[in-house]
PDB file of N, CA and C in Angstrom:
ATOM      1  N   MET A   1      48.457 138.893 123.193  1.00  0.00           N
ATOM      2  CA  MET A   1      49.705 138.248 122.837  1.00  0.00           C
ATOM      3  C   MET A   1      50.749 139.318 122.582  1.00  0.00           C
ATOM      4  N   ARG A   2      51.949 139.060 123.057  1.00  0.00           N
ATOM      5  CA  ARG A   2      53.021 140.033 122.924  1.00  0.00           C
ATOM      6  C   ARG A   2      53.748 139.845 121.610  1.00  0.00           C
ATOM      7  N   GLY A   3      54.680 140.747 121.319  1.00  0.00           N
ATOM      8  CA  GLY A   3      55.452 140.689 120.078  1.00  0.00           C
ATOM      9  C   GLY A   3      56.402 139.501 120.075  1.00  0.00           C
ATOM     10  N   ALA A   4      56.970 139.229 118.926  1.00  0.00           N
ATOM     11  CA  ALA A   4      57.836 138.066 118.757  1.00  0.00           C
ATOM     12  C   ALA A   4      59.138 138.209 119.528  1.00  0.00           C
ATOM     13  N   GLY A   5      59.504 139.422 119.937  1.00  0.00           N
ATOM     14  CA  GLY A   5      60.760 139.641 120.626  1.00  0.00           C
ATOM     15  C   GLY A   5      60.669 139.465 122.123  1.00  0.00           C
ATOM     16  N   HIS A   6      59.542 139.048 122.649  1.00  0.00           N
ATOM     17  CA  HIS A   6      59.372 138.909 124.097  1.00  0.00           C
ATOM     18  C   HIS A   6      59.127 137.454 124.454  1.00  0.00           C
ATOM     19  N   ALA A   7      59.596 137.078 125.647  1.00  0.00           N
ATOM     20  CA  ALA A   7      59.347 135.738 126.174  1.00  0.00           C
ATOM     21  C   ALA A   7      58.859 135.883 127.602  1.00  0.00           C
ATOM     22  N   ARG A   8      58.055 134.970 128.065  1.00  0.00           N
ATOM     23  CA  ARG A   8      57.476 135.024 129.406  1.00  0.00           C
ATOM     24  C   ARG A   8      58.213 134.053 130.311  1.00  0.00           C
ATOM     25  N   CYS A   9      58.626 134.477 131.500  1.00  0.00           N
ATOM     26  CA  CYS A   9      59.285 133.625 132.480  1.00  0.00           C
ATOM     27  C   CYS A   9      58.400 133.499 133.707  1.00  0.00           C
ATOM     28  N   ALA A  10      58.754 132.561 134.575  1.00  0.00           N
ATOM     29  CA  ALA A  10      58.015 132.381 135.817  1.00  0.00           C
ATOM     30  C   ALA A  10      58.170 133.623 136.685  1.00  0.00           C
ATOM     31  N   GLY A  11      57.159 134.002 137.408  1.00  0.00           N
ATOM     32  CA  GLY A  11      57.209 135.148 138.297  1.00  0.00           C
ATOM     33  C   GLY A  11      56.867 136.446 137.588  1.00  0.00           C
ATOM     34  N   ALA A  12      56.263 136.378 136.422  1.00  0.00           N
ATOM     35  CA  ALA A  12      55.783 137.530 135.669  1.00  0.00           C
ATOM     36  C   ALA A  12      56.888 138.508 135.287  1.00  0.00           C
ATOM     37  N   LYS A  13      58.122 138.054 135.174  1.00  0.00           N
ATOM     38  CA  LYS A  13      59.195 138.903 134.672  1.00  0.00           C
ATOM     39  C   LYS A  13      59.291 138.720 133.161  1.00  0.00           C
ATOM     40  N   THR A  14      59.566 139.747 132.482  1.00  0.00           N
ATOM     41  CA  THR A  14      59.671 139.701 131.035  1.00  0.00           C
ATOM     42  C   THR A  14      61.138 139.836 130.629  1.00  0.00           C
ATOM     43  N   ILE A  15      61.556 138.978 129.730  1.00  0.00           N
ATOM     44  CA  ILE A  15      62.910 139.049 129.183  1.00  0.00           C
ATOM     45  C   ILE A  15      62.770 139.438 127.716  1.00  0.00           C
ATOM     46  N   THR A  16      63.493 140.418 127.330  1.00  0.00           N
ATOM     47  CA  THR A  16      63.432 140.876 125.943  1.00  0.00           C
ATOM     48  C   THR A  16      64.558 140.219 125.145  1.00  0.00           C
ATOM     49  N   LEU A  17      64.196 139.644 124.043  1.00  0.00           N
ATOM     50  CA  LEU A  17      65.167 139.063 123.127  1.00  0.00           C
ATOM     51  C   LEU A  17      65.243 139.977 121.912  1.00  0.00           C
ATOM     52  N   ASP A  18      66.272 140.751 121.854  1.00  0.00           N
ATOM     53  CA  ASP A  18      66.425 141.706 120.773  1.00  0.00           C
ATOM     54  C   ASP A  18      67.616 141.282 119.921  1.00  0.00           C
ATOM     55  N   ALA A  19      67.378 141.034 118.645  1.00  0.00           N
ATOM     56  CA  ALA A  19      68.427 140.544 117.758  1.00  0.00           C
ATOM     57  C   ALA A  19      69.547 141.556 117.592  1.00  0.00           C
ATOM     58  N   ALA A  20      69.264 142.797 117.737  1.00  0.00           N
ATOM     59  CA  ALA A  20      70.301 143.817 117.568  1.00  0.00           C
ATOM     60  C   ALA A  20      71.286 143.810 118.731  1.00  0.00           C
ATOM     61  N   ARG A  21      70.872 143.295 119.884  1.00  0.00           N
ATOM     62  CA  ARG A  21      71.746 143.283 121.056  1.00  0.00           C
ATOM     63  C   ARG A  21      72.594 142.023 121.158  1.00  0.00           C
ATOM     64  N   ILE A  22      72.322 141.013 120.326  1.00  0.00           N
ATOM     65  CA  ILE A  22      73.093 139.775 120.370  1.00  0.00           C
ATOM     66  C   ILE A  22      74.421 140.015 119.674  1.00  0.00           C
ATOM     67  N   ASP A  23      75.494 139.651 120.354  1.00  0.00           N
ATOM     68  CA  ASP A  23      76.824 139.846 119.772  1.00  0.00           C
ATOM     69  C   ASP A  23      77.043 138.875 118.618  1.00  0.00           C
ATOM     70  N   PRO A  24      77.582 139.363 117.510  1.00  0.00           N
ATOM     71  CA  PRO A  24      77.893 138.446 116.411  1.00  0.00           C
ATOM     72  C   PRO A  24      79.091 137.575 116.796  1.00  0.00           C
ATOM     73  N   PRO A  25      79.236 136.409 116.170  1.00  0.00           N
ATOM     74  CA  PRO A  25      80.376 135.554 116.492  1.00  0.00           C
ATOM     75  C   PRO A  25      81.691 136.274 116.178  1.00  0.00           C
ATOM     76  N   VAL A  26      82.667 136.017 117.014  1.00  0.00           N
ATOM     77  CA  VAL A  26      83.968 136.646 116.836  1.00  0.00           C
ATOM     78  C   VAL A  26      84.692 135.944 115.690  1.00  0.00           C
ATOM     79  N   GLU A  27      85.210 136.719 114.765  1.00  0.00           N
ATOM     80  CA  GLU A  27      85.969 136.167 113.644  1.00  0.00           C
ATOM     81  C   GLU A  27      87.362 135.815 114.131  1.00  0.00           C
ATOM     82  N   ASP A  28      87.742 134.562 113.971  1.00  0.00           N
ATOM     83  CA  ASP A  28      89.038 134.092 114.435  1.00  0.00           C
ATOM     84  C   ASP A  28      89.941 133.885 113.229  1.00  0.00           C
ATOM     85  N   PRO A  29      90.906 134.778 112.990  1.00  0.00           N
ATOM     86  CA  PRO A  29      91.760 134.629 111.802  1.00  0.00           C
ATOM     87  C   PRO A  29      92.648 133.386 111.872  1.00  0.00           C
ATOM     88  N   VAL A  30      93.030 132.964 113.056  1.00  0.00           N
ATOM     89  CA  VAL A  30      93.858 131.766 113.185  1.00  0.00           C
ATOM     90  C   VAL A  30      93.070 130.537 112.739  1.00  0.00           C
ATOM     91  N   SER A  31      91.794 130.479 113.094  1.00  0.00           N
ATOM     92  CA  SER A  31      90.957 129.353 112.709  1.00  0.00           C
ATOM     93  C   SER A  31      90.842 129.269 111.185  1.00  0.00           C
ATOM     94  N   ASN A  32      90.675 130.406 110.526  1.00  0.00           N
ATOM     95  CA  ASN A  32      90.580 130.397 109.067  1.00  0.00           C
ATOM     96  C   ASN A  32      91.886 129.942 108.432  1.00  0.00           C
ATOM     97  N   VAL A  33      93.015 130.370 108.987  1.00  0.00           N
ATOM     98  CA  VAL A  33      94.314 129.944 108.459  1.00  0.00           C
ATOM     99  C   VAL A  33      94.476 128.445 108.639  1.00  0.00           C
ATOM    100  N   LEU A  34      94.097 127.923 109.792  1.00  0.00           N
ATOM    101  CA  LEU A  34      94.227 126.492 110.044  1.00  0.00           C
ATOM    102  C   LEU A  34      93.352 125.663 109.105  1.00  0.00           C
ATOM    103  N   LYS A  35      92.179 126.176 108.753  1.00  0.00           N
ATOM    104  CA  LYS A  35      91.314 125.476 107.796  1.00  0.00           C
ATOM    105  C   LYS A  35      92.002 125.365 106.450  1.00  0.00           C
ATOM    106  N   TRP A  36      92.617 126.453 105.997  1.00  0.00           N
ATOM    107  CA  TRP A  36      93.314 126.444 104.710  1.00  0.00           C
ATOM    108  C   TRP A  36      94.549 125.554 104.756  1.00  0.00           C
ATOM    109  N   VAL A  37      95.253 125.583 105.875  1.00  0.00           N
ATOM    110  CA  VAL A  37      96.430 124.718 106.016  1.00  0.00           C
ATOM    111  C   VAL A  37      96.002 123.255 105.956  1.00  0.00           C
ATOM    112  N   LEU A  38      94.917 122.912 106.633  1.00  0.00           N
ATOM    113  CA  LEU A  38      94.409 121.545 106.603  1.00  0.00           C
ATOM    114  C   LEU A  38      94.023 121.141 105.183  1.00  0.00           C
ATOM    115  N   LEU A  39      93.357 122.012 104.466  1.00  0.00           N
ATOM    116  CA  LEU A  39      92.954 121.713 103.097  1.00  0.00           C
ATOM    117  C   LEU A  39      94.179 121.483 102.209  1.00  0.00           C
ATOM    118  N   VAL A  40      95.174 122.360 102.310  1.00  0.00           N
ATOM    119  CA  VAL A  40      96.385 122.227 101.496  1.00  0.00           C
ATOM    120  C   VAL A  40      97.129 120.938 101.836  1.00  0.00           C
ATOM    121  N   VAL A  41      97.248 120.631 103.114  1.00  0.00           N
ATOM    122  CA  VAL A  41      97.939 119.404 103.531  1.00  0.00           C
ATOM    123  C   VAL A  41      97.183 118.168 103.030  1.00  0.00           C
ATOM    124  N   ALA A  42      95.866 118.174 103.123  1.00  0.00           N
ATOM    125  CA  ALA A  42      95.079 117.025 102.656  1.00  0.00           C
ATOM    126  C   ALA A  42      95.240 116.833 101.146  1.00  0.00           C
ATOM    127  N   VAL A  43      95.152 117.908 100.379  1.00  0.00           N
ATOM    128  CA  VAL A  43      95.306 117.803  98.923  1.00  0.00           C
ATOM    129  C   VAL A  43      96.717 117.341  98.572  1.00  0.00           C
ATOM    130  N   ALA A  44      97.727 117.902  99.237  1.00  0.00           N
ATOM    131  CA  ALA A  44      99.114 117.497  98.974  1.00  0.00           C
ATOM    132  C   ALA A  44      99.344 116.032  99.348  1.00  0.00           C
ATOM    133  N   THR A  45      98.748 115.582 100.439  1.00  0.00           N
ATOM    134  CA  THR A  45      98.908 114.189 100.862  1.00  0.00           C
ATOM    135  C   THR A  45      98.293 113.232  99.854  1.00  0.00           C
ATOM    136  N   PHE A  46      97.090 113.527  99.392  1.00  0.00           N
ATOM    137  CA  PHE A  46      96.465 112.659  98.400  1.00  0.00           C
ATOM    138  C   PHE A  46      97.213 112.710  97.070  1.00  0.00           C
ATOM    139  N   GLY A  47      97.749 113.873  96.718  1.00  0.00           N
ATOM    140  CA  GLY A  47      98.571 113.973  95.514  1.00  0.00           C
ATOM    141  C   GLY A  47      99.822 113.123  95.627  1.00  0.00           C
ATOM    142  N   LEU A  48     100.471 113.177  96.782  1.00  0.00           N
ATOM    143  CA  LEU A  48     101.667 112.370  97.019  1.00  0.00           C
ATOM    144  C   LEU A  48     101.325 110.876  96.985  1.00  0.00           C
ATOM    145  N   LEU A  49     100.197 110.507  97.540  1.00  0.00           N
ATOM    146  CA  LEU A  49      99.757 109.117  97.515  1.00  0.00           C
ATOM    147  C   LEU A  49      99.526 108.642  96.084  1.00  0.00           C
ATOM    148  N   ALA A  50      98.874 109.459  95.269  1.00  0.00           N
ATOM    149  CA  ALA A  50      98.640 109.103  93.867  1.00  0.00           C
ATOM    150  C   ALA A  50      99.959 108.985  93.111  1.00  0.00           C
ATOM    151  N   TRP A  51     100.866 109.923  93.318  1.00  0.00           N
ATOM    152  CA  TRP A  51     102.167 109.880  92.654  1.00  0.00           C
ATOM    153  C   TRP A  51     102.945 108.623  93.055  1.00  0.00           C
ATOM    154  N   ALA A  52     102.958 108.300  94.352  1.00  0.00           N
ATOM    155  CA  ALA A  52     103.676 107.117  94.826  1.00  0.00           C
ATOM    156  C   ALA A  52     103.070 105.837  94.248  1.00  0.00           C
ATOM    157  N   THR A  53     101.762 105.806  94.094  1.00  0.00           N
ATOM    158  CA  THR A  53     101.107 104.636  93.500  1.00  0.00           C
ATOM    159  C   THR A  53     101.546 104.457  92.056  1.00  0.00           C
ATOM    160  N   VAL A  54     101.542 105.541  91.297  1.00  0.00           N
ATOM    161  CA  VAL A  54     101.966 105.467  89.898  1.00  0.00           C
ATOM    162  C   VAL A  54     103.423 105.027  89.809  1.00  0.00           C
ATOM    163  N   MET A  55     104.285 105.596  90.644  1.00  0.00           N
ATOM    164  CA  MET A  55     105.711 105.245  90.600  1.00  0.00           C
ATOM    165  C   MET A  55     105.934 103.783  91.006  1.00  0.00           C
ATOM    166  N   THR A  56     105.140 103.283  91.942  1.00  0.00           N
ATOM    167  CA  THR A  56     105.261 101.885  92.359  1.00  0.00           C
ATOM    168  C   THR A  56     104.923 100.947  91.209  1.00  0.00           C
ATOM    169  N   TYR A  57     103.850 101.250  90.492  1.00  0.00           N
ATOM    170  CA  TYR A  57     103.481 100.385  89.374  1.00  0.00           C
ATOM    171  C   TYR A  57     104.461 100.497  88.215  1.00  0.00           C
ATOM    172  N   ARG A  58     105.020 101.658  88.002  1.00  0.00           N
ATOM    173  CA  ARG A  58     106.011 101.822  86.938  1.00  0.00           C
ATOM    174  C   ARG A  58     107.319 101.108  87.273  1.00  0.00           C
ATOM    175  N   ALA A  59     107.695 101.080  88.536  1.00  0.00           N
ATOM    176  CA  ALA A  59     108.967 100.483  88.949  1.00  0.00           C
ATOM    177  C   ALA A  59     108.838  99.016  89.331  1.00  0.00           C
ATOM    178  N   ALA A  60     107.654  98.434  89.162  1.00  0.00           N
ATOM    179  CA  ALA A  60     107.463  97.026  89.513  1.00  0.00           C
ATOM    180  C   ALA A  60     108.345  96.157  88.623  1.00  0.00           C
ATOM    181  N   PRO A  61     108.867  95.065  89.152  1.00  0.00           N
ATOM    182  CA  PRO A  61     109.711  94.202  88.327  1.00  0.00           C
ATOM    183  C   PRO A  61     108.900  93.587  87.190  1.00  0.00           C
ATOM    184  N   PRO A  62     109.532  93.396  86.044  1.00  0.00           N
ATOM    185  CA  PRO A  62     108.796  92.829  84.910  1.00  0.00           C
ATOM    186  C   PRO A  62     108.468  91.359  85.144  1.00  0.00           C
ATOM    187  N   GLN A  63     107.403  90.924  84.503  1.00  0.00           N
ATOM    188  CA  GLN A  63     107.022  89.516  84.587  1.00  0.00           C
ATOM    189  C   GLN A  63     107.322  88.889  83.226  1.00  0.00           C
ATOM    190  N   PRO A  64     108.194  87.906  83.187  1.00  0.00           N
ATOM    191  CA  PRO A  64     108.553  87.299  81.893  1.00  0.00           C
ATOM    192  C   PRO A  64     107.385  86.513  81.310  1.00  0.00           C
ATOM    193  N   GLU A  65     107.381  86.400  79.991  1.00  0.00           N
ATOM    194  CA  GLU A  65     106.328  85.630  79.331  1.00  0.00           C
ATOM    195  C   GLU A  65     106.499  84.139  79.574  1.00  0.00           C
ATOM    196  N   GLN A  66     107.772  83.698  79.680  1.00  0.00           N
ATOM    197  CA  GLN A  66     108.026  82.293  79.979  1.00  0.00           C
ATOM    198  C   GLN A  66     109.460  82.100  80.436  1.00  0.00           C
ATOM    199  N   PHE A  67     109.672  81.007  81.149  1.00  0.00           N
ATOM    200  CA  PHE A  67     111.022  80.582  81.533  1.00  0.00           C
ATOM    201  C   PHE A  67     111.370  79.385  80.670  1.00  0.00           C
ATOM    202  N   VAL A  68     112.550  79.450  80.073  1.00  0.00           N
ATOM    203  CA  VAL A  68     112.986  78.394  79.164  1.00  0.00           C
ATOM    204  C   VAL A  68     114.300  77.838  79.683  1.00  0.00           C
ATOM    205  N   SER A  69     114.443  76.516  79.642  1.00  0.00           N
ATOM    206  CA  SER A  69     115.694  75.891  80.070  1.00  0.00           C
ATOM    207  C   SER A  69     116.758  76.069  78.988  1.00  0.00           C
ATOM    208  N   ALA A  70     117.962  75.626  79.276  1.00  0.00           N
ATOM    209  CA  ALA A  70     119.080  75.778  78.335  1.00  0.00           C
ATOM    210  C   ALA A  70     118.836  75.022  77.036  1.00  0.00           C
ATOM    211  N   ASN A  71     118.089  73.910  77.105  1.00  0.00           N
ATOM    212  CA  ASN A  71     117.833  73.133  75.879  1.00  0.00           C
ATOM    213  C   ASN A  71     116.555  73.570  75.159  1.00  0.00           C
ATOM    214  N   GLY A  72     115.865  74.639  75.661  1.00  0.00           N
ATOM    215  CA  GLY A  72     114.688  75.182  74.975  1.00  0.00           C
ATOM    216  C   GLY A  72     113.356  74.699  75.506  1.00  0.00           C
ATOM    217  N   THR A  73     113.364  73.868  76.530  1.00  0.00           N
ATOM    218  CA  THR A  73     112.110  73.387  77.117  1.00  0.00           C
ATOM    219  C   THR A  73     111.487  74.504  77.943  1.00  0.00           C
ATOM    220  N   VAL A  74     110.182  74.725  77.749  1.00  0.00           N
ATOM    221  CA  VAL A  74     109.472  75.752  78.519  1.00  0.00           C
ATOM    222  C   VAL A  74     109.228  75.211  79.913  1.00  0.00           C
ATOM    223  N   LEU A  75     109.773  75.905  80.915  1.00  0.00           N
ATOM    224  CA  LEU A  75     109.610  75.476  82.302  1.00  0.00           C
ATOM    225  C   LEU A  75     108.312  75.996  82.903  1.00  0.00           C
ATOM    226  N   MET A  76     108.001  77.252  82.639  1.00  0.00           N
ATOM    227  CA  MET A  76     106.732  77.836  83.103  1.00  0.00           C
ATOM    228  C   MET A  76     106.399  79.048  82.253  1.00  0.00           C
ATOM    229  N   THR A  77     105.111  79.357  82.187  1.00  0.00           N
ATOM    230  CA  THR A  77     104.646  80.509  81.409  1.00  0.00           C
ATOM    231  C   THR A  77     104.168  81.599  82.363  1.00  0.00           C
ATOM    232  N   ASP A  78     103.787  82.720  81.777  1.00  0.00           N
ATOM    233  CA  ASP A  78     103.278  83.809  82.613  1.00  0.00           C
ATOM    234  C   ASP A  78     101.965  83.420  83.290  1.00  0.00           C
ATOM    235  N   GLN A  79     101.178  82.545  82.671  1.00  0.00           N
ATOM    236  CA  GLN A  79      99.942  82.066  83.302  1.00  0.00           C
ATOM    237  C   GLN A  79     100.248  81.220  84.535  1.00  0.00           C
ATOM    238  N   ASP A  80     101.338  80.466  84.495  1.00  0.00           N
ATOM    239  CA  ASP A  80     101.757  79.697  85.669  1.00  0.00           C
ATOM    240  C   ASP A  80     102.152  80.631  86.816  1.00  0.00           C
ATOM    241  N   ILE A  81     102.810  81.729  86.472  1.00  0.00           N
ATOM    242  CA  ILE A  81     103.226  82.703  87.490  1.00  0.00           C
ATOM    243  C   ILE A  81     102.007  83.347  88.137  1.00  0.00           C
ATOM    244  N   VAL A  82     101.034  83.725  87.299  1.00  0.00           N
ATOM    245  CA  VAL A  82      99.804  84.341  87.834  1.00  0.00           C
ATOM    246  C   VAL A  82      99.063  83.348  88.728  1.00  0.00           C
ATOM    247  N   ALA A  83      99.000  82.075  88.312  1.00  0.00           N
ATOM    248  CA  ALA A  83      98.336  81.061  89.132  1.00  0.00           C
ATOM    249  C   ALA A  83      99.085  80.861  90.448  1.00  0.00           C
ATOM    250  N   GLY A  84     100.418  80.912  90.407  1.00  0.00           N
ATOM    251  CA  GLY A  84     101.207  80.786  91.636  1.00  0.00           C
ATOM    252  C   GLY A  84     100.979  81.945  92.583  1.00  0.00           C
ATOM    253  N   LYS A  85     100.875  83.150  92.017  1.00  0.00           N
ATOM    254  CA  LYS A  85     100.578  84.314  92.861  1.00  0.00           C
ATOM    255  C   LYS A  85      99.204  84.167  93.508  1.00  0.00           C
ATOM    256  N   GLY A  86      98.254  83.649  92.737  1.00  0.00           N
ATOM    257  CA  GLY A  86      96.910  83.432  93.281  1.00  0.00           C
ATOM    258  C   GLY A  86      96.918  82.431  94.429  1.00  0.00           C
ATOM    259  N   GLY A  87      97.674  81.361  94.272  1.00  0.00           N
ATOM    260  CA  GLY A  87      97.788  80.373  95.349  1.00  0.00           C
ATOM    261  C   GLY A  87      98.473  80.950  96.568  1.00  0.00           C
ATOM    262  N   PHE A  88      99.492  81.769  96.340  1.00  0.00           N
ATOM    263  CA  PHE A  88     100.212  82.429  97.432  1.00  0.00           C
ATOM    264  C   PHE A  88      99.259  83.327  98.223  1.00  0.00           C
ATOM    265  N   GLN A  89      98.417  84.070  97.492  1.00  0.00           N
ATOM    266  CA  GLN A  89      97.464  84.958  98.162  1.00  0.00           C
ATOM    267  C   GLN A  89      96.335  84.169  98.818  1.00  0.00           C
ATOM    268  N   LYS A  90      95.893  83.092  98.172  1.00  0.00           N
ATOM    269  CA  LYS A  90      94.814  82.284  98.749  1.00  0.00           C
ATOM    270  C   LYS A  90      95.239  81.666 100.077  1.00  0.00           C
ATOM    271  N   ALA A  91      96.500  81.259 100.172  1.00  0.00           N
ATOM    272  CA  ALA A  91      97.019  80.675 101.413  1.00  0.00           C
ATOM    273  C   ALA A  91      97.420  81.756 102.412  1.00  0.00           C
ATOM    274  N   ASP A  92      97.234  83.022 102.050  1.00  0.00           N
ATOM    275  CA  ASP A  92      97.526  84.171 102.917  1.00  0.00           C
ATOM    276  C   ASP A  92      98.979  84.176 103.380  1.00  0.00           C
ATOM    277  N   LEU A  93      99.879  83.956 102.426  1.00  0.00           N
ATOM    278  CA  LEU A  93     101.297  83.905 102.759  1.00  0.00           C
ATOM    279  C   LEU A  93     101.962  85.277 102.676  1.00  0.00           C
ATOM    280  N   MET A  94     101.206  86.337 102.387  1.00  0.00           N
ATOM    281  CA  MET A  94     101.790  87.673 102.296  1.00  0.00           C
ATOM    282  C   MET A  94     102.306  88.154 103.644  1.00  0.00           C
ATOM    283  N   ASP A  95     101.756  87.637 104.720  1.00  0.00           N
ATOM    284  CA  ASP A  95     102.172  88.077 106.049  1.00  0.00           C
ATOM    285  C   ASP A  95     103.510  87.482 106.472  1.00  0.00           C
ATOM    286  N   TYR A  96     104.061  86.593 105.679  1.00  0.00           N
ATOM    287  CA  TYR A  96     105.290  85.922 106.053  1.00  0.00           C
ATOM    288  C   TYR A  96     106.539  86.566 105.458  1.00  0.00           C
ATOM    289  N   GLY A  97     106.398  87.652 104.760  1.00  0.00           N
ATOM    290  CA  GLY A  97     107.593  88.264 104.183  1.00  0.00           C
ATOM    291  C   GLY A  97     107.248  89.417 103.276  1.00  0.00           C
ATOM    292  N   SER A  98     108.126  89.691 102.340  1.00  0.00           N
ATOM    293  CA  SER A  98     107.971  90.856 101.483  1.00  0.00           C
ATOM    294  C   SER A  98     107.040  90.570 100.318  1.00  0.00           C
ATOM    295  N   LEU A  99     106.789  91.597  99.548  1.00  0.00           N
ATOM    296  CA  LEU A  99     105.945  91.502  98.371  1.00  0.00           C
ATOM    297  C   LEU A  99     106.559  90.577  97.325  1.00  0.00           C
ATOM    298  N   TYR A 100     107.870  90.451  97.320  1.00  0.00           N
ATOM    299  CA  TYR A 100     108.550  89.690  96.287  1.00  0.00           C
ATOM    300  C   TYR A 100     108.802  88.233  96.671  1.00  0.00           C
ATOM    301  N   GLY A 101     108.165  87.715  97.711  1.00  0.00           N
ATOM    302  CA  GLY A 101     108.153  86.291  97.916  1.00  0.00           C
ATOM    303  C   GLY A 101     108.976  85.724  99.048  1.00  0.00           C
ATOM    304  N   MET A 102     109.370  86.518 100.029  1.00  0.00           N
ATOM    305  CA  MET A 102     110.103  85.957 101.154  1.00  0.00           C
ATOM    306  C   MET A 102     109.238  84.965 101.925  1.00  0.00           C
ATOM    307  N   GLY A 103     107.929  85.073 101.805  1.00  0.00           N
ATOM    308  CA  GLY A 103     107.036  84.146 102.475  1.00  0.00           C
ATOM    309  C   GLY A 103     107.227  82.720 102.015  1.00  0.00           C
ATOM    310  N   SER A 104     107.718  82.566 100.794  1.00  0.00           N
ATOM    311  CA  SER A 104     107.941  81.211 100.293  1.00  0.00           C
ATOM    312  C   SER A 104     109.066  80.515 101.046  1.00  0.00           C
ATOM    313  N   TYR A 105     109.937  81.272 101.696  1.00  0.00           N
ATOM    314  CA  TYR A 105     111.020  80.667 102.465  1.00  0.00           C
ATOM    315  C   TYR A 105     110.585  80.277 103.877  1.00  0.00           C
ATOM    316  N   THR A 106     109.640  81.013 104.446  1.00  0.00           N
ATOM    317  CA  THR A 106     109.274  80.782 105.838  1.00  0.00           C
ATOM    318  C   THR A 106     107.933  80.096 106.025  1.00  0.00           C
ATOM    319  N   ALA A 107     107.060  80.151 105.045  1.00  0.00           N
ATOM    320  CA  ALA A 107     105.730  79.557 105.194  1.00  0.00           C
ATOM    321  C   ALA A 107     105.778  78.076 104.830  1.00  0.00           C
ATOM    322  N   ARG A 108     104.757  77.370 105.277  1.00  0.00           N
ATOM    323  CA  ARG A 108     104.698  75.948 104.922  1.00  0.00           C
ATOM    324  C   ARG A 108     104.503  75.840 103.417  1.00  0.00           C
ATOM    325  N   THR A 109     104.965  74.795 102.841  1.00  0.00           N
ATOM    326  CA  THR A 109     104.891  74.662 101.392  1.00  0.00           C
ATOM    327  C   THR A 109     103.483  74.282 100.961  1.00  0.00           C
ATOM    328  N   THR A 110     103.057  74.824  99.847  1.00  0.00           N
ATOM    329  CA  THR A 110     101.725  74.542  99.328  1.00  0.00           C
ATOM    330  C   THR A 110     101.813  73.824  97.982  1.00  0.00           C
ATOM    331  N   GLN A 111     102.999  73.426  97.593  1.00  0.00           N
ATOM    332  CA  GLN A 111     103.177  72.748  96.315  1.00  0.00           C
ATOM    333  C   GLN A 111     103.043  71.251  96.483  1.00  0.00           C
ATOM    334  N   ARG A 112     102.722  70.604  95.382  1.00  0.00           N
ATOM    335  CA  ARG A 112     102.769  69.150  95.343  1.00  0.00           C
ATOM    336  C   ARG A 112     104.178  68.744  94.977  1.00  0.00           C
ATOM    337  N   ARG A 113     104.665  67.764  95.665  1.00  0.00           N
ATOM    338  CA  ARG A 113     106.014  67.261  95.350  1.00  0.00           C
ATOM    339  C   ARG A 113     105.884  65.944  94.594  1.00  0.00           C
ATOM    340  N   PRO A 114     106.772  65.740  93.637  1.00  0.00           N
ATOM    341  CA  PRO A 114     106.687  64.472  92.862  1.00  0.00           C
ATOM    342  C   PRO A 114     107.123  63.277  93.681  1.00  0.00           C
TER     343      PRO A 114
END
């Protein structure tokens, strides 16, 4: 049996595999720079996404606790508003307009009428 650095080929020719003769991979400085640029861009993008999410929730319009008529009668409470939002989402009316309710103008009505 021959040493570990030799291999046998057809036709009784011997090919020597010598680790010292194998060229090491070429170091590509541009590739390393691009890896760092990608990492920085990814971190900055996720940071911007997190910041925009926080700012969106901070700038969201307030939800009143209740609507009261001029004579003091409670027209609706915040629980009614939450239930209405749930019905709006259940009927999938978000695709009909903006986040603030344009879908209520263009979608079929889901309310009961007296």
